């Protein structure tokens, strides 16, 4: 849901996830919101691209925390472990990575 502030002509002036005085609450898929997002960023896919980039940042952050022994992979919920492992596998296959040793991270 978005809190919407409108211009005098009724068009959307701004969107926010937090409540705004004088704003109205509209669902994310409301046609006026979709039109506003397409008009302000060229298309809604910009948000999807930004989300994908942000997910990569989070993956790198989690990897860094694990490498520095701040957290362990097993500290995460099982569902999160599975999703991280799946994304790593997909990313490795997309990049054409050659992984001769499998997922074993130990130094020989």
N, C-alpha and C. Protein backbone atom coordinates (compact mmCIF):
# COMPACT_ATOMS: atom_id res chain seq x y z
N UNK A 1 0.84 -1.18 0.00
CA UNK A 1 0.00 0.00 0.00
C UNK A 1 0.88 1.24 0.00
N UNK A 2 0.45 2.23 -0.75
CA UNK A 2 1.15 3.50 -0.82
C UNK A 2 0.27 4.61 -0.26
N UNK A 3 0.90 5.56 0.38
CA UNK A 3 0.23 6.80 0.76
C UNK A 3 0.49 7.78 -0.37
N UNK A 4 -0.58 8.32 -0.93
CA UNK A 4 -0.50 9.13 -2.13
C UNK A 4 -0.86 10.58 -1.81
N UNK A 5 -0.04 11.48 -2.28
CA UNK A 5 -0.37 12.91 -2.25
C UNK A 5 -0.67 13.33 -3.68
N UNK A 6 -1.74 14.08 -3.84
CA UNK A 6 -2.16 14.46 -5.18
C UNK A 6 -1.95 15.95 -5.42
N UNK A 7 -1.74 16.29 -6.70
CA UNK A 7 -1.69 17.68 -7.14
C UNK A 7 -3.10 18.25 -7.18
N UNK A 8 -3.20 19.54 -7.41
CA UNK A 8 -4.50 20.19 -7.49
C UNK A 8 -5.37 19.62 -8.61
N UNK A 9 -4.73 19.13 -9.67
CA UNK A 9 -5.49 18.56 -10.79
C UNK A 9 -5.87 17.09 -10.56
N UNK A 10 -5.50 16.54 -9.42
CA UNK A 10 -5.85 15.16 -9.08
C UNK A 10 -4.80 14.14 -9.45
N UNK A 11 -3.77 14.57 -10.17
CA UNK A 11 -2.69 13.63 -10.51
C UNK A 11 -1.82 13.37 -9.29
N UNK A 12 -1.14 12.26 -9.29
CA UNK A 12 -0.29 11.89 -8.16
C UNK A 12 0.96 12.76 -8.14
N UNK A 13 1.23 13.36 -6.99
CA UNK A 13 2.43 14.19 -6.82
C UNK A 13 3.55 13.38 -6.19
N UNK A 14 3.21 12.50 -5.24
CA UNK A 14 4.24 11.68 -4.60
C UNK A 14 3.63 10.44 -3.98
N UNK A 15 4.51 9.44 -3.80
CA UNK A 15 4.15 8.18 -3.16
C UNK A 15 5.05 7.97 -1.96
N UNK A 16 4.50 7.35 -0.93
CA UNK A 16 5.31 7.02 0.25
C UNK A 16 4.75 5.76 0.88
N UNK A 17 5.63 5.01 1.54
CA UNK A 17 5.19 3.81 2.28
C UNK A 17 4.70 4.20 3.67
N UNK A 18 5.11 5.37 4.13
CA UNK A 18 4.68 5.85 5.45
C UNK A 18 3.54 6.84 5.28
N UNK A 19 2.73 6.96 6.31
CA UNK A 19 1.56 7.83 6.25
C UNK A 19 1.98 9.29 6.08
N UNK A 20 1.24 9.99 5.24
CA UNK A 20 1.47 11.41 4.98
C UNK A 20 0.20 12.18 5.30
N UNK A 21 0.30 13.30 6.01
CA UNK A 21 -0.90 14.11 6.27
C UNK A 21 -1.55 14.54 4.96
N UNK A 22 -2.84 14.34 4.86
CA UNK A 22 -3.57 14.73 3.67
C UNK A 22 -3.48 13.72 2.54
N UNK A 23 -2.81 12.60 2.77
CA UNK A 23 -2.65 11.59 1.74
C UNK A 23 -3.78 10.58 1.77
N UNK A 24 -3.85 9.81 0.70
CA UNK A 24 -4.82 8.72 0.65
C UNK A 24 -4.07 7.41 0.46
N UNK A 25 -4.64 6.35 0.94
CA UNK A 25 -4.01 5.03 0.88
C UNK A 25 -4.54 4.28 -0.35
N UNK A 26 -3.61 3.84 -1.20
CA UNK A 26 -3.98 3.07 -2.39
C UNK A 26 -3.14 1.80 -2.46
N UNK A 27 -3.71 0.72 -3.02
CA UNK A 27 -2.93 -0.51 -3.17
C UNK A 27 -1.85 -0.34 -4.23
N UNK A 28 -0.78 -1.15 -4.11
CA UNK A 28 0.35 -1.07 -5.04
C UNK A 28 -0.06 -1.23 -6.50
N UNK A 29 -1.08 -2.04 -6.75
CA UNK A 29 -1.46 -2.33 -8.14
C UNK A 29 -2.53 -1.39 -8.68
N UNK A 30 -2.83 -0.33 -7.96
CA UNK A 30 -3.82 0.65 -8.42
C UNK A 30 -3.34 1.27 -9.74
N UNK A 31 -4.22 1.41 -10.73
CA UNK A 31 -3.82 1.95 -12.03
C UNK A 31 -3.14 3.32 -11.96
N UNK A 32 -3.60 4.19 -11.06
CA UNK A 32 -2.98 5.52 -10.94
C UNK A 32 -1.54 5.41 -10.46
N UNK A 33 -1.28 4.47 -9.55
CA UNK A 33 0.09 4.28 -9.05
C UNK A 33 0.97 3.70 -10.15
N UNK A 34 0.46 2.72 -10.87
CA UNK A 34 1.24 2.12 -11.96
C UNK A 34 1.57 3.16 -13.03
N UNK A 35 0.59 4.02 -13.35
CA UNK A 35 0.83 5.07 -14.34
C UNK A 35 1.87 6.06 -13.84
N UNK A 36 1.81 6.40 -12.56
CA UNK A 36 2.78 7.33 -11.98
C UNK A 36 4.19 6.73 -12.03
N UNK A 37 4.32 5.46 -11.67
CA UNK A 37 5.63 4.81 -11.69
C UNK A 37 6.19 4.71 -13.10
N UNK A 38 5.35 4.40 -14.05
CA UNK A 38 5.82 4.32 -15.44
C UNK A 38 6.25 5.69 -15.94
N UNK A 39 5.52 6.72 -15.55
CA UNK A 39 5.85 8.06 -16.00
C UNK A 39 7.09 8.62 -15.35
N UNK A 40 7.35 8.25 -14.09
CA UNK A 40 8.49 8.85 -13.38
C UNK A 40 9.79 8.14 -13.65
N UNK A 41 9.75 6.88 -14.02
CA UNK A 41 11.01 6.16 -14.20
C UNK A 41 11.16 5.54 -15.58
N UNK A 42 10.27 5.84 -16.45
CA UNK A 42 10.34 5.23 -17.77
C UNK A 42 9.53 3.95 -17.81
N UNK A 43 9.70 3.11 -16.82
CA UNK A 43 8.89 1.91 -16.69
C UNK A 43 9.09 1.29 -15.31
N UNK A 44 8.19 0.40 -14.97
CA UNK A 44 8.23 -0.25 -13.66
C UNK A 44 9.41 -1.19 -13.55
N UNK A 45 9.95 -1.66 -14.68
CA UNK A 45 11.06 -2.60 -14.63
C UNK A 45 12.29 -1.98 -13.98
N UNK A 46 12.37 -0.66 -13.93
CA UNK A 46 13.50 -0.02 -13.24
C UNK A 46 13.53 -0.45 -11.77
N UNK A 47 12.35 -0.57 -11.17
CA UNK A 47 12.30 -1.03 -9.79
C UNK A 47 12.77 -2.48 -9.69
N UNK A 48 12.37 -3.30 -10.65
CA UNK A 48 12.80 -4.69 -10.63
C UNK A 48 14.32 -4.80 -10.78
N UNK A 49 14.87 -3.97 -11.66
CA UNK A 49 16.32 -3.98 -11.84
C UNK A 49 17.03 -3.53 -10.56
N UNK A 50 16.51 -2.49 -9.94
CA UNK A 50 17.10 -2.00 -8.69
C UNK A 50 17.00 -3.07 -7.60
N UNK A 51 15.86 -3.76 -7.55
CA UNK A 51 15.69 -4.84 -6.58
C UNK A 51 16.70 -5.95 -6.81
N UNK A 52 16.90 -6.33 -8.06
CA UNK A 52 17.86 -7.39 -8.38
C UNK A 52 19.27 -6.98 -7.97
N UNK A 53 19.62 -5.72 -8.23
CA UNK A 53 20.94 -5.24 -7.83
C UNK A 53 21.08 -5.23 -6.31
N UNK A 54 20.02 -4.85 -5.62
CA UNK A 54 20.06 -4.81 -4.17
C UNK A 54 20.17 -6.21 -3.58
N UNK A 55 19.49 -7.17 -4.19
CA UNK A 55 19.59 -8.56 -3.73
C UNK A 55 21.04 -9.03 -3.84
N UNK A 56 21.72 -8.64 -4.91
CA UNK A 56 23.13 -9.02 -5.07
C UNK A 56 23.98 -8.41 -3.96
N UNK A 57 23.68 -7.17 -3.58
CA UNK A 57 24.39 -6.52 -2.48
C UNK A 57 24.17 -7.31 -1.19
N UNK A 58 22.93 -7.72 -0.94
CA UNK A 58 22.64 -8.49 0.26
C UNK A 58 23.36 -9.84 0.25
N UNK A 59 23.41 -10.48 -0.92
CA UNK A 59 24.14 -11.75 -1.03
C UNK A 59 25.61 -11.55 -0.68
N UNK A 60 26.20 -10.49 -1.23
CA UNK A 60 27.61 -10.21 -0.96
C UNK A 60 27.83 -9.88 0.51
N UNK A 61 26.90 -9.17 1.11
CA UNK A 61 26.99 -8.84 2.54
C UNK A 61 26.95 -10.12 3.38
N UNK A 62 26.03 -11.00 3.07
CA UNK A 62 25.92 -12.27 3.80
C UNK A 62 27.20 -13.08 3.64
N UNK A 63 27.71 -13.15 2.41
CA UNK A 63 28.97 -13.88 2.16
C UNK A 63 30.11 -13.29 2.99
N UNK A 64 30.20 -11.98 3.04
CA UNK A 64 31.26 -11.32 3.80
C UNK A 64 31.14 -11.63 5.29
N UNK A 65 29.93 -11.58 5.82
CA UNK A 65 29.71 -11.89 7.23
C UNK A 65 30.09 -13.34 7.55
N UNK A 66 29.82 -14.24 6.62
CA UNK A 66 30.17 -15.65 6.81
C UNK A 66 31.68 -15.83 6.75
N UNK A 67 32.33 -15.23 5.76
CA UNK A 67 33.79 -15.35 5.61
C UNK A 67 34.51 -14.79 6.84
N UNK A 68 34.00 -13.71 7.42
CA UNK A 68 34.62 -13.10 8.59
C UNK A 68 34.20 -13.77 9.90
N UNK A 69 33.47 -14.87 9.78
CA UNK A 69 33.01 -15.63 10.95
C UNK A 69 32.16 -14.81 11.91
N UNK A 70 31.42 -13.86 11.37
CA UNK A 70 30.49 -13.08 12.18
C UNK A 70 29.19 -13.85 12.33
N UNK A 71 28.78 -14.49 11.24
CA UNK A 71 27.64 -15.40 11.28
C UNK A 71 28.04 -16.68 10.57
N UNK A 72 27.28 -17.72 10.80
CA UNK A 72 27.46 -18.98 10.07
C UNK A 72 26.25 -19.18 9.17
N UNK A 73 26.47 -19.87 8.10
CA UNK A 73 25.37 -20.17 7.18
C UNK A 73 24.23 -20.84 7.94
N UNK A 74 24.58 -21.69 8.90
CA UNK A 74 23.57 -22.41 9.67
C UNK A 74 22.86 -21.54 10.70
N UNK A 75 23.35 -20.31 10.93
CA UNK A 75 22.65 -19.38 11.82
C UNK A 75 21.37 -18.86 11.18
N UNK A 76 21.33 -18.92 9.87
CA UNK A 76 20.17 -18.41 9.14
C UNK A 76 19.04 -19.44 9.17
N UNK A 77 17.81 -18.98 9.03
CA UNK A 77 16.69 -19.94 8.95
C UNK A 77 16.89 -20.88 7.75
N UNK A 78 16.37 -22.08 7.87
CA UNK A 78 16.54 -23.09 6.83
C UNK A 78 16.07 -22.57 5.48
N UNK A 79 14.94 -21.88 5.46
CA UNK A 79 14.42 -21.35 4.19
C UNK A 79 15.42 -20.36 3.58
N UNK A 80 16.04 -19.53 4.39
CA UNK A 80 17.03 -18.57 3.89
C UNK A 80 18.26 -19.31 3.38
N UNK A 81 18.70 -20.33 4.10
CA UNK A 81 19.85 -21.13 3.65
C UNK A 81 19.58 -21.72 2.27
N UNK A 82 18.40 -22.27 2.09
CA UNK A 82 18.05 -22.90 0.82
C UNK A 82 18.02 -21.87 -0.31
N UNK A 83 17.45 -20.71 -0.04
CA UNK A 83 17.37 -19.67 -1.08
C UNK A 83 18.75 -19.15 -1.45
N UNK A 84 19.60 -18.96 -0.47
CA UNK A 84 20.95 -18.48 -0.74
C UNK A 84 21.72 -19.50 -1.55
N UNK A 85 21.64 -20.76 -1.16
CA UNK A 85 22.34 -21.83 -1.88
C UNK A 85 21.82 -21.94 -3.31
N UNK A 86 20.52 -21.84 -3.49
CA UNK A 86 19.94 -21.91 -4.83
C UNK A 86 20.41 -20.75 -5.70
N UNK A 87 20.39 -19.52 -5.16
CA UNK A 87 20.82 -18.35 -5.93
C UNK A 87 22.30 -18.43 -6.30
N UNK A 88 23.12 -18.92 -5.36
CA UNK A 88 24.55 -19.07 -5.66
C UNK A 88 24.75 -20.05 -6.81
N UNK A 89 24.02 -21.15 -6.76
CA UNK A 89 24.12 -22.14 -7.83
C UNK A 89 23.68 -21.57 -9.17
N UNK A 90 22.58 -20.85 -9.17
CA UNK A 90 22.09 -20.24 -10.40
C UNK A 90 23.07 -19.20 -10.93
N UNK A 91 23.61 -18.40 -10.03
CA UNK A 91 24.56 -17.36 -10.45
C UNK A 91 25.82 -17.98 -11.02
N UNK A 92 26.31 -19.04 -10.39
CA UNK A 92 27.51 -19.72 -10.90
C UNK A 92 27.27 -20.31 -12.28
N UNK A 93 26.10 -20.91 -12.49
CA UNK A 93 25.79 -21.49 -13.80
C UNK A 93 25.64 -20.39 -14.85
N UNK A 94 25.05 -19.25 -14.48
CA UNK A 94 24.87 -18.15 -15.43
C UNK A 94 26.21 -17.55 -15.83
N UNK A 95 27.16 -17.52 -14.92
CA UNK A 95 28.46 -16.93 -15.19
C UNK A 95 29.40 -17.94 -15.83
N UNK A 96 28.93 -19.16 -16.01
CA UNK A 96 29.76 -20.18 -16.64
C UNK A 96 30.90 -20.62 -15.75
N UNK A 97 30.70 -20.54 -14.44
CA UNK A 97 31.77 -20.88 -13.51
C UNK A 97 32.08 -22.37 -13.58
N UNK A 98 33.34 -22.69 -13.51
CA UNK A 98 33.80 -24.06 -13.48
C UNK A 98 34.12 -24.38 -12.03
N UNK A 99 33.32 -25.24 -11.41
CA UNK A 99 33.46 -25.53 -9.99
C UNK A 99 33.86 -27.00 -9.84
N UNK A 100 35.14 -27.28 -9.96
CA UNK A 100 35.62 -28.66 -9.92
C UNK A 100 35.55 -29.28 -8.53
N UNK A 101 35.58 -28.45 -7.51
CA UNK A 101 35.60 -28.98 -6.14
C UNK A 101 34.21 -28.99 -5.51
N UNK A 102 33.19 -28.61 -6.22
CA UNK A 102 31.85 -28.57 -5.66
C UNK A 102 31.72 -27.39 -4.71
N UNK A 103 30.83 -27.52 -3.75
CA UNK A 103 30.58 -26.42 -2.82
C UNK A 103 31.48 -26.45 -1.60
N UNK A 104 32.43 -27.37 -1.56
CA UNK A 104 33.32 -27.48 -0.40
C UNK A 104 34.27 -26.30 -0.37
N UNK A 105 34.17 -25.47 0.65
CA UNK A 105 34.94 -24.24 0.75
C UNK A 105 36.25 -24.43 1.55
N UNK A 106 36.51 -25.66 2.00
CA UNK A 106 37.71 -25.87 2.81
C UNK A 106 38.99 -25.72 1.99
N UNK A 107 40.03 -25.25 2.65
CA UNK A 107 41.33 -25.13 2.00
C UNK A 107 42.04 -26.47 2.16
N UNK A 108 42.60 -26.96 1.07
CA UNK A 108 43.27 -28.27 1.10
C UNK A 108 44.75 -28.07 1.35
